[in-house]
């Protein structure tokens, strides 16, 4: 499955609810899921980490749907097999 297909699946399942919630409400859910991912990483619970990564990805796709952004196109446009800042693979940007 491509990112575009996943985003379309999220649109079919959740767009009605997400669009009613709006941009900020959907962003708030994404932020909550990132915090849950942080906690799972601290606890080093592999299954919880996997689940939270899935939730973060799903909410990111939902937010992209609400603001009408093609997530796959945006990601590939910015990260086209190289670092967007230094233009190299692997990245050689100074910290």
PDB file of N, CA and C in Angstrom:
ATOM      1  N   UNK A   1       0.849  -1.176   0.000  1.00  0.00           N
ATOM      2  CA  UNK A   1       0.000   0.000   0.000  1.00  0.00           C
ATOM      3  C   UNK A   1       0.894   1.239   0.000  1.00  0.00           C
ATOM      4  N   UNK A   2       0.556   2.193  -0.825  1.00  0.00           N
ATOM      5  CA  UNK A   2       1.263   3.464  -0.893  1.00  0.00           C
ATOM      6  C   UNK A   2       0.645   4.439   0.121  1.00  0.00           C
ATOM      7  N   UNK A   3       1.401   5.473   0.457  1.00  0.00           N
ATOM      8  CA  UNK A   3       0.896   6.493   1.385  1.00  0.00           C
ATOM      9  C   UNK A   3      -0.422   7.063   0.873  1.00  0.00           C
ATOM     10  N   UNK A   4      -0.495   7.318  -0.417  1.00  0.00           N
ATOM     11  CA  UNK A   4      -1.707   7.864  -1.036  1.00  0.00           C
ATOM     12  C   UNK A   4      -2.904   6.949  -0.804  1.00  0.00           C
ATOM     13  N   UNK A   5      -2.690   5.653  -0.928  1.00  0.00           N
ATOM     14  CA  UNK A   5      -3.773   4.690  -0.710  1.00  0.00           C
ATOM     15  C   UNK A   5      -4.206   4.685   0.755  1.00  0.00           C
ATOM     16  N   UNK A   6      -3.236   4.769   1.657  1.00  0.00           N
ATOM     17  CA  UNK A   6      -3.557   4.818   3.084  1.00  0.00           C
ATOM     18  C   UNK A   6      -4.348   6.087   3.400  1.00  0.00           C
ATOM     19  N   UNK A   7      -3.910   7.215   2.864  1.00  0.00           N
ATOM     20  CA  UNK A   7      -4.621   8.473   3.101  1.00  0.00           C
ATOM     21  C   UNK A   7      -6.049   8.398   2.564  1.00  0.00           C
ATOM     22  N   UNK A   8      -6.223   7.802   1.403  1.00  0.00           N
ATOM     23  CA  UNK A   8      -7.578   7.642   0.848  1.00  0.00           C
ATOM     24  C   UNK A   8      -8.429   6.720   1.715  1.00  0.00           C
ATOM     25  N   UNK A   9      -7.823   5.686   2.279  1.00  0.00           N
ATOM     26  CA  UNK A   9      -8.554   4.803   3.187  1.00  0.00           C
ATOM     27  C   UNK A   9      -9.012   5.582   4.418  1.00  0.00           C
ATOM     28  N   UNK A  10      -8.132   6.401   4.980  1.00  0.00           N
ATOM     29  CA  UNK A  10      -8.502   7.220   6.143  1.00  0.00           C
ATOM     30  C   UNK A  10      -9.633   8.183   5.776  1.00  0.00           C
ATOM     31  N   UNK A  11      -9.582   8.712   4.551  1.00  0.00           N
ATOM     32  CA  UNK A  11     -10.646   9.612   4.085  1.00  0.00           C
ATOM     33  C   UNK A  11     -11.989   8.875   4.040  1.00  0.00           C
ATOM     34  N   UNK A  12     -11.988   7.667   3.488  1.00  0.00           N
ATOM     35  CA  UNK A  12     -13.241   6.900   3.393  1.00  0.00           C
ATOM     36  C   UNK A  12     -13.803   6.577   4.782  1.00  0.00           C
ATOM     37  N   UNK A  13     -12.924   6.229   5.690  1.00  0.00           N
ATOM     38  CA  UNK A  13     -13.372   5.804   7.015  1.00  0.00           C
ATOM     39  C   UNK A  13     -13.755   6.989   7.900  1.00  0.00           C
ATOM     40  N   UNK A  14     -12.957   8.062   7.888  1.00  0.00           N
ATOM     41  CA  UNK A  14     -13.079   9.093   8.926  1.00  0.00           C
ATOM     42  C   UNK A  14     -13.351  10.516   8.458  1.00  0.00           C
ATOM     43  N   UNK A  15     -13.334  10.805   7.154  1.00  0.00           N
ATOM     44  CA  UNK A  15     -13.391  12.201   6.725  1.00  0.00           C
ATOM     45  C   UNK A  15     -14.621  12.942   7.242  1.00  0.00           C
ATOM     46  N   UNK A  16     -15.757  12.290   7.261  1.00  0.00           N
ATOM     47  CA  UNK A  16     -16.965  12.976   7.735  1.00  0.00           C
ATOM     48  C   UNK A  16     -16.751  13.508   9.154  1.00  0.00           C
ATOM     49  N   UNK A  17     -16.262  12.649  10.028  1.00  0.00           N
ATOM     50  CA  UNK A  17     -16.026  13.055  11.425  1.00  0.00           C
ATOM     51  C   UNK A  17     -14.875  14.060  11.526  1.00  0.00           C
ATOM     52  N   UNK A  18     -13.810  13.813  10.777  1.00  0.00           N
ATOM     53  CA  UNK A  18     -12.649  14.705  10.841  1.00  0.00           C
ATOM     54  C   UNK A  18     -13.000  16.108  10.355  1.00  0.00           C
ATOM     55  N   UNK A  19     -13.756  16.197   9.281  1.00  0.00           N
ATOM     56  CA  UNK A  19     -14.099  17.517   8.752  1.00  0.00           C
ATOM     57  C   UNK A  19     -15.019  18.270   9.716  1.00  0.00           C
ATOM     58  N   UNK A  20     -15.885  17.560  10.414  1.00  0.00           N
ATOM     59  CA  UNK A  20     -16.723  18.207  11.439  1.00  0.00           C
ATOM     60  C   UNK A  20     -15.878  18.690  12.612  1.00  0.00           C
ATOM     61  N   UNK A  21     -14.865  17.918  12.974  1.00  0.00           N
ATOM     62  CA  UNK A  21     -13.958  18.280  14.072  1.00  0.00           C
ATOM     63  C   UNK A  21     -13.135  19.498  13.692  1.00  0.00           C
ATOM     64  N   UNK A  22     -12.777  19.602  12.415  1.00  0.00           N
ATOM     65  CA  UNK A  22     -12.017  20.743  11.918  1.00  0.00           C
ATOM     66  C   UNK A  22     -10.516  20.568  12.053  1.00  0.00           C
ATOM     67  N   UNK A  23      -9.802  21.555  11.546  1.00  0.00           N
ATOM     68  CA  UNK A  23      -8.343  21.506  11.505  1.00  0.00           C
ATOM     69  C   UNK A  23      -7.724  21.442  12.898  1.00  0.00           C
ATOM     70  N   UNK A  24      -8.098  22.366  13.758  1.00  0.00           N
ATOM     71  CA  UNK A  24      -7.479  22.428  15.084  1.00  0.00           C
ATOM     72  C   UNK A  24      -7.857  21.213  15.918  1.00  0.00           C
ATOM     73  N   UNK A  25      -9.113  20.788  15.851  1.00  0.00           N
ATOM     74  CA  UNK A  25      -9.531  19.604  16.592  1.00  0.00           C
ATOM     75  C   UNK A  25      -8.796  18.357  16.136  1.00  0.00           C
ATOM     76  N   UNK A  26      -8.600  18.217  14.850  1.00  0.00           N
ATOM     77  CA  UNK A  26      -7.884  17.065  14.315  1.00  0.00           C
ATOM     78  C   UNK A  26      -6.402  17.149  14.664  1.00  0.00           C
ATOM     79  N   UNK A  27      -5.840  18.348  14.603  1.00  0.00           N
ATOM     80  CA  UNK A  27      -4.454  18.541  15.021  1.00  0.00           C
ATOM     81  C   UNK A  27      -4.282  18.182  16.499  1.00  0.00           C
ATOM     82  N   UNK A  28      -5.239  18.565  17.324  1.00  0.00           N
ATOM     83  CA  UNK A  28      -5.159  18.222  18.755  1.00  0.00           C
ATOM     84  C   UNK A  28      -5.103  16.710  18.962  1.00  0.00           C
ATOM     85  N   UNK A  29      -5.887  15.954  18.191  1.00  0.00           N
ATOM     86  CA  UNK A  29      -5.846  14.490  18.286  1.00  0.00           C
ATOM     87  C   UNK A  29      -4.473  13.964  17.873  1.00  0.00           C
ATOM     88  N   UNK A  30      -3.909  14.530  16.804  1.00  0.00           N
ATOM     89  CA  UNK A  30      -2.576  14.118  16.360  1.00  0.00           C
ATOM     90  C   UNK A  30      -1.539  14.367  17.453  1.00  0.00           C
ATOM     91  N   UNK A  31      -1.599  15.533  18.073  1.00  0.00           N
ATOM     92  CA  UNK A  31      -0.660  15.870  19.146  1.00  0.00           C
ATOM     93  C   UNK A  31      -0.812  14.891  20.306  1.00  0.00           C
ATOM     94  N   UNK A  32      -2.052  14.558  20.655  1.00  0.00           N
ATOM     95  CA  UNK A  32      -2.283  13.572  21.723  1.00  0.00           C
ATOM     96  C   UNK A  32      -1.640  12.236  21.378  1.00  0.00           C
ATOM     97  N   UNK A  33      -1.762  11.817  20.132  1.00  0.00           N
ATOM     98  CA  UNK A  33      -1.178  10.537  19.714  1.00  0.00           C
ATOM     99  C   UNK A  33       0.346  10.580  19.735  1.00  0.00           C
ATOM    100  N   UNK A  34       0.941  11.711  19.399  1.00  0.00           N
ATOM    101  CA  UNK A  34       2.394  11.843  19.472  1.00  0.00           C
ATOM    102  C   UNK A  34       2.839  11.724  20.934  1.00  0.00           C
ATOM    103  N   UNK A  35       2.083  12.309  21.834  1.00  0.00           N
ATOM    104  CA  UNK A  35       2.399  12.182  23.268  1.00  0.00           C
ATOM    105  C   UNK A  35       2.279  10.725  23.724  1.00  0.00           C
ATOM    106  N   UNK A  36       1.281  10.018  23.239  1.00  0.00           N
ATOM    107  CA  UNK A  36       1.151   8.600  23.576  1.00  0.00           C
ATOM    108  C   UNK A  36       2.328   7.797  23.014  1.00  0.00           C
ATOM    109  N   UNK A  37       2.806   8.169  21.833  1.00  0.00           N
ATOM    110  CA  UNK A  37       3.990   7.530  21.267  1.00  0.00           C
ATOM    111  C   UNK A  37       5.203   7.790  22.152  1.00  0.00           C
ATOM    112  N   UNK A  38       5.331   9.016  22.631  1.00  0.00           N
ATOM    113  CA  UNK A  38       6.433   9.351  23.531  1.00  0.00           C
ATOM    114  C   UNK A  38       6.423   8.449  24.760  1.00  0.00           C
ATOM    115  N   UNK A  39       5.254   8.260  25.343  1.00  0.00           N
ATOM    116  CA  UNK A  39       5.133   7.423  26.536  1.00  0.00           C
ATOM    117  C   UNK A  39       5.476   5.970  26.235  1.00  0.00           C
ATOM    118  N   UNK A  40       4.998   5.466  25.105  1.00  0.00           N
ATOM    119  CA  UNK A  40       5.296   4.080  24.725  1.00  0.00           C
ATOM    120  C   UNK A  40       6.797   3.891  24.514  1.00  0.00           C
ATOM    121  N   UNK A  41       7.447   4.885  23.917  1.00  0.00           N
ATOM    122  CA  UNK A  41       8.895   4.801  23.705  1.00  0.00           C
ATOM    123  C   UNK A  41       9.649   4.811  25.037  1.00  0.00           C
ATOM    124  N   UNK A  42       9.192   5.620  25.965  1.00  0.00           N
ATOM    125  CA  UNK A  42       9.816   5.651  27.297  1.00  0.00           C
ATOM    126  C   UNK A  42       9.692   4.304  27.992  1.00  0.00           C
ATOM    127  N   UNK A  43       8.528   3.677  27.827  1.00  0.00           N
ATOM    128  CA  UNK A  43       8.269   2.392  28.478  1.00  0.00           C
ATOM    129  C   UNK A  43       8.912   1.219  27.734  1.00  0.00           C
ATOM    130  N   UNK A  44       9.375   1.469  26.520  1.00  0.00           N
ATOM    131  CA  UNK A  44      10.014   0.440  25.686  1.00  0.00           C
ATOM    132  C   UNK A  44       9.113  -0.770  25.457  1.00  0.00           C
ATOM    133  N   UNK A  45       7.825  -0.464  25.283  1.00  0.00           N
ATOM    134  CA  UNK A  45       6.819  -1.492  25.027  1.00  0.00           C
ATOM    135  C   UNK A  45       6.633  -1.593  23.513  1.00  0.00           C
ATOM    136  N   UNK A  46       7.234  -2.604  22.910  1.00  0.00           N
ATOM    137  CA  UNK A  46       7.273  -2.718  21.454  1.00  0.00           C
ATOM    138  C   UNK A  46       5.882  -2.713  20.822  1.00  0.00           C
ATOM    139  N   UNK A  47       4.952  -3.457  21.380  1.00  0.00           N
ATOM    140  CA  UNK A  47       3.596  -3.505  20.802  1.00  0.00           C
ATOM    141  C   UNK A  47       2.908  -2.150  20.909  1.00  0.00           C
ATOM    142  N   UNK A  48       3.049  -1.498  22.060  1.00  0.00           N
ATOM    143  CA  UNK A  48       2.453  -0.165  22.234  1.00  0.00           C
ATOM    144  C   UNK A  48       3.104   0.840  21.283  1.00  0.00           C
ATOM    145  N   UNK A  49       4.415   0.746  21.106  1.00  0.00           N
ATOM    146  CA  UNK A  49       5.121   1.638  20.178  1.00  0.00           C
ATOM    147  C   UNK A  49       4.581   1.456  18.767  1.00  0.00           C
ATOM    148  N   UNK A  50       4.432   0.215  18.360  1.00  0.00           N
ATOM    149  CA  UNK A  50       3.911  -0.076  17.026  1.00  0.00           C
ATOM    150  C   UNK A  50       2.503   0.505  16.857  1.00  0.00           C
ATOM    151  N   UNK A  51       1.649   0.290  17.849  1.00  0.00           N
ATOM    152  CA  UNK A  51       0.285   0.820  17.789  1.00  0.00           C
ATOM    153  C   UNK A  51       0.265   2.339  17.734  1.00  0.00           C
ATOM    154  N   UNK A  52       1.124   2.979  18.515  1.00  0.00           N
ATOM    155  CA  UNK A  52       1.140   4.445  18.534  1.00  0.00           C
ATOM    156  C   UNK A  52       1.700   5.022  17.241  1.00  0.00           C
ATOM    157  N   UNK A  53       2.705   4.358  16.643  1.00  0.00           N
ATOM    158  CA  UNK A  53       3.162   4.804  15.327  1.00  0.00           C
ATOM    159  C   UNK A  53       2.000   4.755  14.326  1.00  0.00           C
ATOM    160  N   UNK A  54       1.224   3.680  14.376  1.00  0.00           N
ATOM    161  CA  UNK A  54       0.080   3.551  13.467  1.00  0.00           C
ATOM    162  C   UNK A  54      -0.929   4.672  13.712  1.00  0.00           C
ATOM    163  N   UNK A  55      -1.190   4.976  14.984  1.00  0.00           N
ATOM    164  CA  UNK A  55      -2.141   6.048  15.310  1.00  0.00           C
ATOM    165  C   UNK A  55      -1.641   7.409  14.835  1.00  0.00           C
ATOM    166  N   UNK A  56      -0.355   7.688  15.048  1.00  0.00           N
ATOM    167  CA  UNK A  56       0.217   8.962  14.603  1.00  0.00           C
ATOM    168  C   UNK A  56       0.091   9.083  13.089  1.00  0.00           C
ATOM    169  N   UNK A  57       0.424   8.015  12.382  1.00  0.00           N
ATOM    170  CA  UNK A  57       0.340   8.026  10.923  1.00  0.00           C
ATOM    171  C   UNK A  57      -1.096   8.237  10.455  1.00  0.00           C
ATOM    172  N   UNK A  58      -2.041   7.563  11.113  1.00  0.00           N
ATOM    173  CA  UNK A  58      -3.454   7.701  10.751  1.00  0.00           C
ATOM    174  C   UNK A  58      -3.952   9.121  10.979  1.00  0.00           C
ATOM    175  N   UNK A  59      -3.615   9.698  12.134  1.00  0.00           N
ATOM    176  CA  UNK A  59      -4.071  11.061  12.423  1.00  0.00           C
ATOM    177  C   UNK A  59      -3.378  12.083  11.525  1.00  0.00           C
ATOM    178  N   UNK A  60      -2.123  11.841  11.143  1.00  0.00           N
ATOM    179  CA  UNK A  60      -1.445  12.729  10.205  1.00  0.00           C
ATOM    180  C   UNK A  60      -2.161  12.700   8.854  1.00  0.00           C
ATOM    181  N   UNK A  61      -2.536  11.513   8.403  1.00  0.00           N
ATOM    182  CA  UNK A  61      -3.281  11.384   7.146  1.00  0.00           C
ATOM    183  C   UNK A  61      -4.644  12.063   7.258  1.00  0.00           C
ATOM    184  N   UNK A  62      -5.303  11.917   8.400  1.00  0.00           N
ATOM    185  CA  UNK A  62      -6.599  12.559   8.599  1.00  0.00           C
ATOM    186  C   UNK A  62      -6.472  14.076   8.556  1.00  0.00           C
ATOM    187  N   UNK A  63      -5.443  14.608   9.211  1.00  0.00           N
ATOM    188  CA  UNK A  63      -5.230  16.051   9.190  1.00  0.00           C
ATOM    189  C   UNK A  63      -4.930  16.527   7.765  1.00  0.00           C
ATOM    190  N   UNK A  64      -4.120  15.781   7.038  1.00  0.00           N
ATOM    191  CA  UNK A  64      -3.837  16.131   5.642  1.00  0.00           C
ATOM    192  C   UNK A  64      -5.128  16.142   4.825  1.00  0.00           C
ATOM    193  N   UNK A  65      -6.027  15.199   5.087  1.00  0.00           N
ATOM    194  CA  UNK A  65      -7.315  15.185   4.391  1.00  0.00           C
ATOM    195  C   UNK A  65      -8.134  16.426   4.714  1.00  0.00           C
ATOM    196  N   UNK A  66      -8.170  16.811   5.970  1.00  0.00           N
ATOM    197  CA  UNK A  66      -8.972  17.971   6.387  1.00  0.00           C
ATOM    198  C   UNK A  66      -8.484  19.245   5.699  1.00  0.00           C
ATOM    199  N   UNK A  67      -7.164  19.383   5.538  1.00  0.00           N
ATOM    200  CA  UNK A  67      -6.621  20.597   4.914  1.00  0.00           C
ATOM    201  C   UNK A  67      -6.325  20.406   3.423  1.00  0.00           C
ATOM    202  N   UNK A  68      -6.768  19.262   2.877  1.00  0.00           N
ATOM    203  CA  UNK A  68      -6.676  18.973   1.441  1.00  0.00           C
ATOM    204  C   UNK A  68      -5.237  18.974   0.916  1.00  0.00           C
ATOM    205  N   UNK A  69      -4.377  18.238   1.621  1.00  0.00           N
ATOM    206  CA  UNK A  69      -2.984  18.064   1.205  1.00  0.00           C
ATOM    207  C   UNK A  69      -2.761  16.594   0.876  1.00  0.00           C
ATOM    208  N   UNK A  70      -2.149  16.335  -0.273  1.00  0.00           N
ATOM    209  CA  UNK A  70      -1.768  14.985  -0.649  1.00  0.00           C
ATOM    210  C   UNK A  70      -0.460  14.685   0.074  1.00  0.00           C
ATOM    211  N   UNK A  71      -0.531  13.895   1.111  1.00  0.00           N
ATOM    212  CA  UNK A  71       0.609  13.613   1.980  1.00  0.00           C
ATOM    213  C   UNK A  71       1.767  12.969   1.212  1.00  0.00           C
ATOM    214  N   UNK A  72       1.468  12.006   0.372  1.00  0.00           N
ATOM    215  CA  UNK A  72       2.522  11.340  -0.398  1.00  0.00           C
ATOM    216  C   UNK A  72       3.231  12.325  -1.327  1.00  0.00           C
ATOM    217  N   UNK A  73       2.469  13.120  -2.029  1.00  0.00           N
ATOM    218  CA  UNK A  73       3.044  14.096  -2.953  1.00  0.00           C
ATOM    219  C   UNK A  73       3.896  15.109  -2.196  1.00  0.00           C
ATOM    220  N   UNK A  74       3.409  15.599  -1.070  1.00  0.00           N
ATOM    221  CA  UNK A  74       4.155  16.578  -0.277  1.00  0.00           C
ATOM    222  C   UNK A  74       5.468  15.987   0.232  1.00  0.00           C
ATOM    223  N   UNK A  75       5.401  14.765   0.754  1.00  0.00           N
ATOM    224  CA  UNK A  75       6.599  14.126   1.307  1.00  0.00           C
ATOM    225  C   UNK A  75       7.633  13.858   0.225  1.00  0.00           C
ATOM    226  N   UNK A  76       7.200  13.314  -0.892  1.00  0.00           N
ATOM    227  CA  UNK A  76       8.140  12.989  -1.970  1.00  0.00           C
ATOM    228  C   UNK A  76       8.687  14.241  -2.652  1.00  0.00           C
ATOM    229  N   UNK A  77       7.906  15.300  -2.667  1.00  0.00           N
ATOM    230  CA  UNK A  77       8.366  16.555  -3.247  1.00  0.00           C
ATOM    231  C   UNK A  77       9.495  17.160  -2.409  1.00  0.00           C
ATOM    232  N   UNK A  78       9.358  17.089  -1.088  1.00  0.00           N
ATOM    233  CA  UNK A  78      10.378  17.667  -0.212  1.00  0.00           C
ATOM    234  C   UNK A  78      11.565  16.727  -0.017  1.00  0.00           C
ATOM    235  N   UNK A  79      11.314  15.448   0.171  1.00  0.00           N
ATOM    236  CA  UNK A  79      12.360  14.467   0.460  1.00  0.00           C
ATOM    237  C   UNK A  79      12.552  13.538  -0.736  1.00  0.00           C
ATOM    238  N   UNK A  80      13.110  14.058  -1.810  1.00  0.00           N
ATOM    239  CA  UNK A  80      13.281  13.310  -3.053  1.00  0.00           C
ATOM    240  C   UNK A  80      14.631  12.589  -3.064  1.00  0.00           C
ATOM    241  N   UNK A  81      14.751  11.561  -2.221  1.00  0.00           N
ATOM    242  CA  UNK A  81      15.963  10.751  -2.125  1.00  0.00           C
ATOM    243  C   UNK A  81      17.200  11.528  -1.686  1.00  0.00           C
ATOM    244  N   UNK A  82      16.966  12.662  -1.020  1.00  0.00           N
ATOM    245  CA  UNK A  82      18.094  13.444  -0.508  1.00  0.00           C
ATOM    246  C   UNK A  82      17.599  14.374   0.597  1.00  0.00           C
ATOM    247  N   UNK A  83      18.556  14.846   1.387  1.00  0.00           N
ATOM    248  CA  UNK A  83      18.233  15.818   2.426  1.00  0.00           C
ATOM    249  C   UNK A  83      17.782  17.115   1.755  1.00  0.00           C
ATOM    250  N   UNK A  84      16.645  17.689   2.168  1.00  0.00           N
ATOM    251  CA  UNK A  84      16.184  18.915   1.522  1.00  0.00           C
ATOM    252  C   UNK A  84      17.064  20.131   1.827  1.00  0.00           C
ATOM    253  N   UNK A  85      17.911  20.049   2.858  1.00  0.00           N
ATOM    254  CA  UNK A  85      18.772  21.196   3.197  1.00  0.00           C
ATOM    255  C   UNK A  85      20.123  21.125   2.484  1.00  0.00           C
ATOM    256  N   UNK A  86      20.856  20.021   2.663  1.00  0.00           N
ATOM    257  CA  UNK A  86      22.197  19.933   2.064  1.00  0.00           C
ATOM    258  C   UNK A  86      22.169  19.269   0.686  1.00  0.00           C
ATOM    259  N   UNK A  87      21.076  18.568   0.362  1.00  0.00           N
ATOM    260  CA  UNK A  87      20.946  17.921  -0.933  1.00  0.00           C
ATOM    261  C   UNK A  87      21.713  16.618  -1.070  1.00  0.00           C
ATOM    262  N   UNK A  88      22.177  16.063   0.063  1.00  0.00           N
ATOM    263  CA  UNK A  88      22.989  14.858   0.013  1.00  0.00           C
ATOM    264  C   UNK A  88      22.298  13.656   0.645  1.00  0.00           C
ATOM    265  N   UNK A  89      22.769  12.462   0.233  1.00  0.00           N
ATOM    266  CA  UNK A  89      22.356  11.201   0.837  1.00  0.00           C
ATOM    267  C   UNK A  89      23.613  10.400   1.108  1.00  0.00           C
ATOM    268  N   UNK A  90      23.930  10.075   2.360  1.00  0.00           N
ATOM    269  CA  UNK A  90      23.212  10.500   3.557  1.00  0.00           C
ATOM    270  C   UNK A  90      23.446  11.982   3.853  1.00  0.00           C
ATOM    271  N   UNK A  91      22.590  12.512   4.688  1.00  0.00           N
ATOM    272  CA  UNK A  91      22.654  13.924   5.071  1.00  0.00           C
ATOM    273  C   UNK A  91      24.008  14.240   5.715  1.00  0.00           C
ATOM    274  N   UNK A  92      24.553  15.392   5.340  1.00  0.00           N
ATOM    275  CA  UNK A  92      25.800  15.870   5.931  1.00  0.00           C
ATOM    276  C   UNK A  92      25.633  17.243   6.559  1.00  0.00           C
ATOM    277  N   UNK A  93      24.398  17.593   6.914  1.00  0.00           N
ATOM    278  CA  UNK A  93      24.156  18.883   7.564  1.00  0.00           C
ATOM    279  C   UNK A  93      24.844  18.899   8.929  1.00  0.00           C
ATOM    280  N   UNK A  94      25.451  20.028   9.283  1.00  0.00           N
ATOM    281  CA  UNK A  94      26.003  20.132  10.636  1.00  0.00           C
ATOM    282  C   UNK A  94      24.858  20.251  11.643  1.00  0.00           C
ATOM    283  N   UNK A  95      25.091  19.723  12.832  1.00  0.00           N
ATOM    284  CA  UNK A  95      24.042  19.788  13.854  1.00  0.00           C
ATOM    285  C   UNK A  95      23.922  21.180  14.401  1.00  0.00           C
TER     286      UNK A  95
END
